Amino acid sequence: MAPLDVAAARPQLDAALRAAGTPDRADEEKRYLKSDLRHFGTSMPAIHRVTRAFSDAHPESTRADLRALVEELWDAGVHELRMTAVELMTLRSGLLEPEADVAWLEPRLARASGLTVREACKHLPEATREALLTARRAAAS
């Protein structure tokens, strides 16, 4: 099984999300979320569609592939790419190892808005979710 080409995946997702966004919506979201991130103005239903299509097209993805892609998307500093990273972790949650991946997620969550943190954690087991949210609150203090 060939590993996912993360270097090619990021621009592919970026282009699909940009194409689905609008400048007016980007400005509104950035203002509403009080965000320092860049915004494409892509709706959540469109983010879901793009992410589902990508995930379905890459069933061979491994845990290492998922983590590498999530890191690439997260570090881009774009709201929609971070939401895509969250969606990919949700869609491919069976690849994650909650106890081991908490330490990997924490630095990313420390750089996220509260809304993104809640979204990123909502499908995790309750104990793991609470541990991450507690760590986030402590880092913000």
N, C-alpha and C. Protein backbone atom coordinates (compact mmCIF):
# COMPACT_ATOMS: atom_id res chain seq x y z
N MET A 1 0.83 -1.18 0.00
CA MET A 1 0.00 0.00 0.00
C MET A 1 0.88 1.25 0.00
N ALA A 2 0.69 2.11 -0.97
CA ALA A 2 1.49 3.33 -1.09
C ALA A 2 1.02 4.36 -0.08
N PRO A 3 1.96 5.09 0.54
CA PRO A 3 1.54 6.14 1.48
C PRO A 3 0.87 7.28 0.72
N LEU A 4 0.05 8.00 1.43
CA LEU A 4 -0.62 9.17 0.88
C LEU A 4 0.42 10.23 0.54
N ASP A 5 0.30 10.85 -0.60
CA ASP A 5 1.20 11.93 -1.00
C ASP A 5 0.69 13.23 -0.37
N VAL A 6 1.18 13.52 0.83
CA VAL A 6 0.72 14.69 1.59
C VAL A 6 1.06 15.97 0.85
N ALA A 7 2.22 16.01 0.20
CA ALA A 7 2.62 17.21 -0.53
C ALA A 7 1.64 17.54 -1.65
N ALA A 8 1.04 16.53 -2.25
CA ALA A 8 0.05 16.75 -3.30
C ALA A 8 -1.35 16.96 -2.73
N ALA A 9 -1.63 16.35 -1.59
CA ALA A 9 -2.97 16.42 -1.01
C ALA A 9 -3.32 17.82 -0.52
N ARG A 10 -2.39 18.50 0.09
CA ARG A 10 -2.68 19.84 0.63
C ARG A 10 -3.13 20.80 -0.46
N PRO A 11 -2.38 20.95 -1.58
CA PRO A 11 -2.85 21.87 -2.62
C PRO A 11 -4.18 21.45 -3.25
N GLN A 12 -4.41 20.14 -3.32
CA GLN A 12 -5.67 19.64 -3.86
C GLN A 12 -6.83 20.08 -2.97
N LEU A 13 -6.70 19.89 -1.68
CA LEU A 13 -7.75 20.30 -0.74
C LEU A 13 -7.89 21.82 -0.70
N ASP A 14 -6.77 22.51 -0.71
CA ASP A 14 -6.76 23.97 -0.72
C ASP A 14 -7.57 24.50 -1.90
N ALA A 15 -7.29 23.99 -3.10
CA ALA A 15 -7.98 24.45 -4.31
C ALA A 15 -9.47 24.16 -4.26
N ALA A 16 -9.85 22.98 -3.81
CA ALA A 16 -11.27 22.63 -3.74
C ALA A 16 -12.01 23.52 -2.74
N LEU A 17 -11.38 23.79 -1.61
CA LEU A 17 -12.03 24.64 -0.60
C LEU A 17 -12.09 26.10 -1.03
N ARG A 18 -11.05 26.59 -1.68
CA ARG A 18 -11.06 27.97 -2.20
C ARG A 18 -12.18 28.14 -3.22
N ALA A 19 -12.30 27.15 -4.11
CA ALA A 19 -13.31 27.22 -5.17
C ALA A 19 -14.72 27.25 -4.61
N ALA A 20 -14.91 26.64 -3.45
CA ALA A 20 -16.24 26.57 -2.84
C ALA A 20 -16.54 27.79 -1.96
N GLY A 21 -15.56 28.65 -1.74
CA GLY A 21 -15.74 29.80 -0.85
C GLY A 21 -16.04 31.08 -1.60
N THR A 22 -16.41 32.09 -0.81
CA THR A 22 -16.64 33.43 -1.37
C THR A 22 -15.94 34.47 -0.49
N PRO A 23 -15.44 35.53 -1.09
CA PRO A 23 -14.76 36.57 -0.30
C PRO A 23 -15.68 37.20 0.76
N ASP A 24 -16.94 37.43 0.42
CA ASP A 24 -17.85 38.03 1.40
C ASP A 24 -18.02 37.14 2.62
N ARG A 25 -18.22 35.85 2.37
CA ARG A 25 -18.37 34.91 3.49
C ARG A 25 -17.08 34.83 4.29
N ALA A 26 -15.93 34.87 3.62
CA ALA A 26 -14.64 34.83 4.32
C ALA A 26 -14.53 36.01 5.28
N ASP A 27 -14.87 37.20 4.81
CA ASP A 27 -14.81 38.39 5.68
C ASP A 27 -15.77 38.25 6.86
N GLU A 28 -16.99 37.79 6.60
CA GLU A 28 -17.98 37.63 7.67
C GLU A 28 -17.51 36.61 8.72
N GLU A 29 -17.01 35.46 8.27
CA GLU A 29 -16.55 34.42 9.21
C GLU A 29 -15.37 34.91 10.04
N LYS A 30 -14.43 35.56 9.39
CA LYS A 30 -13.26 36.06 10.10
C LYS A 30 -13.68 37.03 11.20
N ARG A 31 -14.62 37.90 10.88
CA ARG A 31 -15.11 38.87 11.86
C ARG A 31 -15.91 38.16 12.97
N TYR A 32 -16.82 37.27 12.60
CA TYR A 32 -17.66 36.57 13.56
C TYR A 32 -16.82 35.72 14.52
N LEU A 33 -15.85 35.01 13.98
CA LEU A 33 -15.02 34.12 14.80
C LEU A 33 -13.88 34.86 15.51
N LYS A 34 -13.72 36.15 15.19
CA LYS A 34 -12.62 36.94 15.75
C LYS A 34 -11.30 36.18 15.55
N SER A 35 -11.09 35.78 14.32
CA SER A 35 -10.01 34.86 13.97
C SER A 35 -8.82 35.58 13.37
N ASP A 36 -7.63 35.10 13.71
CA ASP A 36 -6.40 35.57 13.09
C ASP A 36 -6.04 34.72 11.87
N LEU A 37 -6.78 33.63 11.66
CA LEU A 37 -6.51 32.74 10.54
C LEU A 37 -7.00 33.37 9.24
N ARG A 38 -6.48 32.88 8.13
CA ARG A 38 -7.04 33.23 6.82
C ARG A 38 -8.32 32.43 6.64
N HIS A 39 -9.25 32.97 5.87
CA HIS A 39 -10.52 32.30 5.60
C HIS A 39 -10.78 32.31 4.11
N PHE A 40 -11.31 31.19 3.60
CA PHE A 40 -11.71 31.10 2.20
C PHE A 40 -13.19 31.42 2.02
N GLY A 41 -13.95 31.38 3.11
CA GLY A 41 -15.39 31.63 3.01
C GLY A 41 -16.15 30.41 2.53
N THR A 42 -15.69 29.23 2.91
CA THR A 42 -16.32 27.98 2.50
C THR A 42 -17.28 27.52 3.59
N SER A 43 -18.49 27.14 3.21
CA SER A 43 -19.49 26.70 4.18
C SER A 43 -19.11 25.33 4.76
N MET A 44 -19.64 25.03 5.94
CA MET A 44 -19.38 23.72 6.55
C MET A 44 -19.91 22.58 5.67
N PRO A 45 -21.11 22.69 5.07
CA PRO A 45 -21.52 21.60 4.18
C PRO A 45 -20.53 21.36 3.03
N ALA A 46 -19.97 22.43 2.49
CA ALA A 46 -18.98 22.26 1.42
C ALA A 46 -17.70 21.63 1.96
N ILE A 47 -17.27 22.04 3.15
CA ILE A 47 -16.10 21.43 3.77
C ILE A 47 -16.34 19.94 3.99
N HIS A 48 -17.54 19.59 4.47
CA HIS A 48 -17.88 18.17 4.66
C HIS A 48 -17.79 17.41 3.33
N ARG A 49 -18.35 17.99 2.26
CA ARG A 49 -18.35 17.32 0.95
C ARG A 49 -16.93 17.11 0.43
N VAL A 50 -16.12 18.15 0.48
CA VAL A 50 -14.74 18.06 0.00
C VAL A 50 -13.96 17.03 0.81
N THR A 51 -14.12 17.08 2.12
CA THR A 51 -13.38 16.17 2.99
C THR A 51 -13.82 14.73 2.79
N ARG A 52 -15.13 14.50 2.69
CA ARG A 52 -15.66 13.14 2.48
C ARG A 52 -15.14 12.59 1.15
N ALA A 53 -15.19 13.40 0.10
CA ALA A 53 -14.72 12.95 -1.21
C ALA A 53 -13.23 12.59 -1.16
N PHE A 54 -12.45 13.42 -0.48
CA PHE A 54 -11.02 13.15 -0.35
C PHE A 54 -10.79 11.85 0.44
N SER A 55 -11.46 11.72 1.56
CA SER A 55 -11.31 10.53 2.39
C SER A 55 -11.71 9.27 1.62
N ASP A 56 -12.83 9.34 0.92
CA ASP A 56 -13.29 8.18 0.13
C ASP A 56 -12.32 7.83 -0.98
N ALA A 57 -11.63 8.82 -1.52
CA ALA A 57 -10.67 8.59 -2.61
C ALA A 57 -9.35 8.00 -2.12
N HIS A 58 -9.15 8.01 -0.80
CA HIS A 58 -7.88 7.54 -0.22
C HIS A 58 -8.12 6.53 0.91
N PRO A 59 -8.79 5.42 0.61
CA PRO A 59 -9.08 4.44 1.68
C PRO A 59 -7.84 3.76 2.23
N GLU A 60 -6.73 3.84 1.49
CA GLU A 60 -5.49 3.19 1.90
C GLU A 60 -4.71 3.98 2.94
N SER A 61 -5.18 5.17 3.27
CA SER A 61 -4.45 6.03 4.21
C SER A 61 -4.22 5.34 5.54
N THR A 62 -3.03 5.54 6.06
CA THR A 62 -2.63 4.96 7.34
C THR A 62 -2.70 6.02 8.44
N ARG A 63 -2.49 5.60 9.66
CA ARG A 63 -2.42 6.54 10.78
C ARG A 63 -1.32 7.57 10.54
N ALA A 64 -0.17 7.13 10.07
CA ALA A 64 0.95 8.04 9.79
C ALA A 64 0.56 9.04 8.70
N ASP A 65 -0.13 8.56 7.66
CA ASP A 65 -0.61 9.46 6.60
C ASP A 65 -1.56 10.51 7.17
N LEU A 66 -2.51 10.05 7.97
CA LEU A 66 -3.50 10.95 8.56
C LEU A 66 -2.82 12.01 9.41
N ARG A 67 -1.92 11.59 10.26
CA ARG A 67 -1.23 12.55 11.13
C ARG A 67 -0.41 13.55 10.31
N ALA A 68 0.30 13.07 9.29
CA ALA A 68 1.10 13.97 8.46
C ALA A 68 0.22 14.99 7.74
N LEU A 69 -0.91 14.54 7.22
CA LEU A 69 -1.81 15.45 6.52
C LEU A 69 -2.46 16.44 7.48
N VAL A 70 -2.88 15.96 8.64
CA VAL A 70 -3.46 16.87 9.64
C VAL A 70 -2.45 17.95 10.02
N GLU A 71 -1.20 17.56 10.24
CA GLU A 71 -0.17 18.55 10.58
C GLU A 71 -0.01 19.58 9.47
N GLU A 72 0.04 19.10 8.23
CA GLU A 72 0.19 19.99 7.08
C GLU A 72 -0.99 20.96 6.97
N LEU A 73 -2.19 20.44 7.12
CA LEU A 73 -3.39 21.29 7.02
C LEU A 73 -3.45 22.27 8.19
N TRP A 74 -3.17 21.79 9.38
CA TRP A 74 -3.25 22.64 10.57
C TRP A 74 -2.27 23.79 10.50
N ASP A 75 -1.04 23.49 10.06
CA ASP A 75 0.02 24.48 10.07
C ASP A 75 -0.13 25.53 8.97
N ALA A 76 -1.09 25.35 8.07
CA ALA A 76 -1.29 26.30 6.97
C ALA A 76 -1.88 27.63 7.44
N GLY A 77 -2.50 27.63 8.62
CA GLY A 77 -3.07 28.88 9.14
C GLY A 77 -4.34 29.32 8.42
N VAL A 78 -5.08 28.36 7.88
CA VAL A 78 -6.33 28.64 7.16
C VAL A 78 -7.47 27.92 7.88
N HIS A 79 -8.51 28.68 8.21
CA HIS A 79 -9.65 28.12 8.95
C HIS A 79 -10.20 26.86 8.28
N GLU A 80 -10.48 26.93 7.00
CA GLU A 80 -11.11 25.79 6.31
C GLU A 80 -10.20 24.57 6.26
N LEU A 81 -8.89 24.79 6.16
CA LEU A 81 -7.97 23.65 6.17
C LEU A 81 -7.91 23.02 7.55
N ARG A 82 -8.00 23.84 8.59
CA ARG A 82 -8.06 23.26 9.95
C ARG A 82 -9.35 22.49 10.15
N MET A 83 -10.46 23.02 9.66
CA MET A 83 -11.72 22.30 9.79
C MET A 83 -11.69 20.99 8.99
N THR A 84 -11.00 21.01 7.85
CA THR A 84 -10.82 19.79 7.07
C THR A 84 -9.99 18.78 7.86
N ALA A 85 -8.97 19.25 8.54
CA ALA A 85 -8.16 18.36 9.39
C ALA A 85 -9.03 17.72 10.47
N VAL A 86 -9.89 18.52 11.09
CA VAL A 86 -10.81 18.01 12.11
C VAL A 86 -11.74 16.97 11.50
N GLU A 87 -12.30 17.29 10.33
CA GLU A 87 -13.21 16.36 9.66
C GLU A 87 -12.50 15.06 9.29
N LEU A 88 -11.27 15.15 8.81
CA LEU A 88 -10.52 13.93 8.48
C LEU A 88 -10.29 13.08 9.71
N MET A 89 -9.96 13.72 10.83
CA MET A 89 -9.77 12.94 12.07
C MET A 89 -11.07 12.28 12.50
N THR A 90 -12.18 12.96 12.26
CA THR A 90 -13.48 12.38 12.60
C THR A 90 -13.81 11.22 11.68
N LEU A 91 -13.67 11.43 10.37
CA LEU A 91 -13.98 10.38 9.40
C LEU A 91 -13.07 9.17 9.55
N ARG A 92 -11.82 9.41 9.89
CA ARG A 92 -10.84 8.33 9.98
C ARG A 92 -10.44 8.06 11.42
N SER A 93 -11.34 8.30 12.35
CA SER A 93 -11.03 8.17 13.78
C SER A 93 -10.57 6.76 14.15
N GLY A 94 -10.95 5.77 13.37
CA GLY A 94 -10.50 4.41 13.64
C GLY A 94 -8.99 4.24 13.49
N LEU A 95 -8.35 5.16 12.79
CA LEU A 95 -6.89 5.10 12.64
C LEU A 95 -6.15 5.69 13.84
N LEU A 96 -6.85 6.53 14.58
CA LEU A 96 -6.20 7.21 15.71
C LEU A 96 -6.15 6.32 16.94
N GLU A 97 -5.17 6.56 17.76
CA GLU A 97 -5.01 5.87 19.04
C GLU A 97 -5.16 6.95 20.10
N PRO A 98 -6.38 7.12 20.66
CA PRO A 98 -6.66 8.27 21.52
C PRO A 98 -5.61 8.54 22.59
N GLU A 99 -5.20 7.54 23.30
CA GLU A 99 -4.24 7.79 24.38
C GLU A 99 -2.91 8.30 23.83
N ALA A 100 -2.43 7.71 22.76
CA ALA A 100 -1.15 8.12 22.17
C ALA A 100 -1.28 9.44 21.42
N ASP A 101 -2.42 9.68 20.81
CA ASP A 101 -2.56 10.86 19.97
C ASP A 101 -2.94 12.12 20.73
N VAL A 102 -3.29 12.00 21.99
CA VAL A 102 -3.58 13.20 22.79
C VAL A 102 -2.35 14.10 22.83
N ALA A 103 -1.19 13.54 23.12
CA ALA A 103 0.03 14.35 23.21
C ALA A 103 0.36 14.99 21.86
N TRP A 104 0.07 14.31 20.78
CA TRP A 104 0.30 14.85 19.45
C TRP A 104 -0.66 16.00 19.14
N LEU A 105 -1.92 15.89 19.59
CA LEU A 105 -2.93 16.92 19.31
C LEU A 105 -2.77 18.17 20.17
N GLU A 106 -2.30 18.01 21.38
CA GLU A 106 -2.25 19.14 22.32
C GLU A 106 -1.56 20.39 21.77
N PRO A 107 -0.38 20.29 21.15
CA PRO A 107 0.24 21.53 20.65
C PRO A 107 -0.60 22.22 19.57
N ARG A 108 -1.30 21.45 18.78
CA ARG A 108 -2.16 22.03 17.76
C ARG A 108 -3.35 22.73 18.40
N LEU A 109 -3.92 22.10 19.39
CA LEU A 109 -5.07 22.69 20.07
C LEU A 109 -4.70 23.95 20.81
N ALA A 110 -3.46 24.03 21.27
CA ALA A 110 -3.01 25.23 21.98
C ALA A 110 -3.00 26.44 21.06
N ARG A 111 -2.93 26.20 19.74
CA ARG A 111 -2.92 27.30 18.76
C ARG A 111 -4.29 27.51 18.12
N ALA A 112 -5.32 26.90 18.67
CA ALA A 112 -6.64 26.95 18.04
C ALA A 112 -7.58 27.84 18.83
N SER A 113 -8.60 28.31 18.11
CA SER A 113 -9.65 29.05 18.80
C SER A 113 -10.49 28.06 19.60
N GLY A 114 -11.24 28.54 20.57
CA GLY A 114 -12.09 27.67 21.38
C GLY A 114 -13.07 26.86 20.55
N LEU A 115 -13.64 27.47 19.51
CA LEU A 115 -14.59 26.76 18.66
C LEU A 115 -13.92 25.58 17.98
N THR A 116 -12.71 25.79 17.44
CA THR A 116 -12.01 24.72 16.75
C THR A 116 -11.65 23.61 17.73
N VAL A 117 -11.26 23.96 18.94
CA VAL A 117 -10.93 22.95 19.95
C VAL A 117 -12.15 22.09 20.23
N ARG A 118 -13.29 22.71 20.45
CA ARG A 118 -14.51 21.93 20.74
C ARG A 118 -14.85 21.03 19.56
N GLU A 119 -14.74 21.55 18.33
CA GLU A 119 -15.02 20.74 17.15
C GLU A 119 -14.06 19.56 17.05
N ALA A 120 -12.78 19.83 17.31
CA ALA A 120 -11.76 18.79 17.19
C ALA A 120 -11.98 17.67 18.21
N CYS A 121 -12.55 18.01 19.34
CA CYS A 121 -12.67 17.04 20.44
C CYS A 121 -14.03 16.35 20.53
N LYS A 122 -15.02 16.84 19.82
CA LYS A 122 -16.38 16.38 20.09
C LYS A 122 -16.62 14.90 19.86
N HIS A 123 -15.86 14.24 19.00
CA HIS A 123 -16.10 12.83 18.74
C HIS A 123 -15.14 11.90 19.48
N LEU A 124 -14.28 12.47 20.30
CA LEU A 124 -13.35 11.65 21.07
C LEU A 124 -14.07 11.07 22.28
N PRO A 125 -13.56 9.97 22.82
CA PRO A 125 -14.14 9.45 24.06
C PRO A 125 -14.15 10.53 25.13
N GLU A 126 -15.15 10.50 25.99
CA GLU A 126 -15.36 11.57 26.97
C GLU A 126 -14.11 11.87 27.80
N ALA A 127 -13.46 10.83 28.32
CA ALA A 127 -12.28 11.06 29.18
C ALA A 127 -11.17 11.76 28.39
N THR A 128 -10.95 11.34 27.15
CA THR A 128 -9.92 11.95 26.32
C THR A 128 -10.30 13.39 25.99
N ARG A 129 -11.56 13.58 25.62
CA ARG A 129 -12.05 14.93 25.29
C ARG A 129 -11.86 15.87 26.47
N GLU A 130 -12.24 15.43 27.66
CA GLU A 130 -12.12 16.28 28.85
C GLU A 130 -10.66 16.57 29.18
N ALA A 131 -9.78 15.59 28.98
CA ALA A 131 -8.35 15.81 29.24
C ALA A 131 -7.79 16.88 28.29
N LEU A 132 -8.17 16.82 27.02
CA LEU A 132 -7.69 17.81 26.06
C LEU A 132 -8.26 19.20 26.36
N LEU A 133 -9.55 19.28 26.66
CA LEU A 133 -10.15 20.58 26.95
C LEU A 133 -9.57 21.19 28.22
N THR A 134 -9.29 20.35 29.21
CA THR A 134 -8.67 20.85 30.45
C THR A 134 -7.27 21.37 30.16
N ALA A 135 -6.51 20.63 29.33
CA ALA A 135 -5.16 21.07 28.97
C ALA A 135 -5.23 22.39 28.19
N ARG A 136 -6.22 22.53 27.33
CA ARG A 136 -6.38 23.76 26.54
C ARG A 136 -6.68 24.96 27.46
N ARG A 137 -7.59 24.74 28.42
CA ARG A 137 -7.93 25.82 29.35
C ARG A 137 -6.71 26.22 30.17
N ALA A 138 -5.92 25.24 30.61
CA ALA A 138 -4.71 25.52 31.40
C ALA A 138 -3.69 26.30 30.57
N ALA A 139 -3.55 25.94 29.30
CA ALA A 139 -2.59 26.63 28.43
C ALA A 139 -3.02 28.06 28.15
N ALA A 140 -4.33 28.30 28.14
CA ALA A 140 -4.84 29.63 27.87
C ALA A 140 -4.76 30.55 29.09
N SER A 141 -4.60 29.98 30.28
CA SER A 141 -4.57 30.78 31.51
C SER A 141 -3.25 31.50 31.68
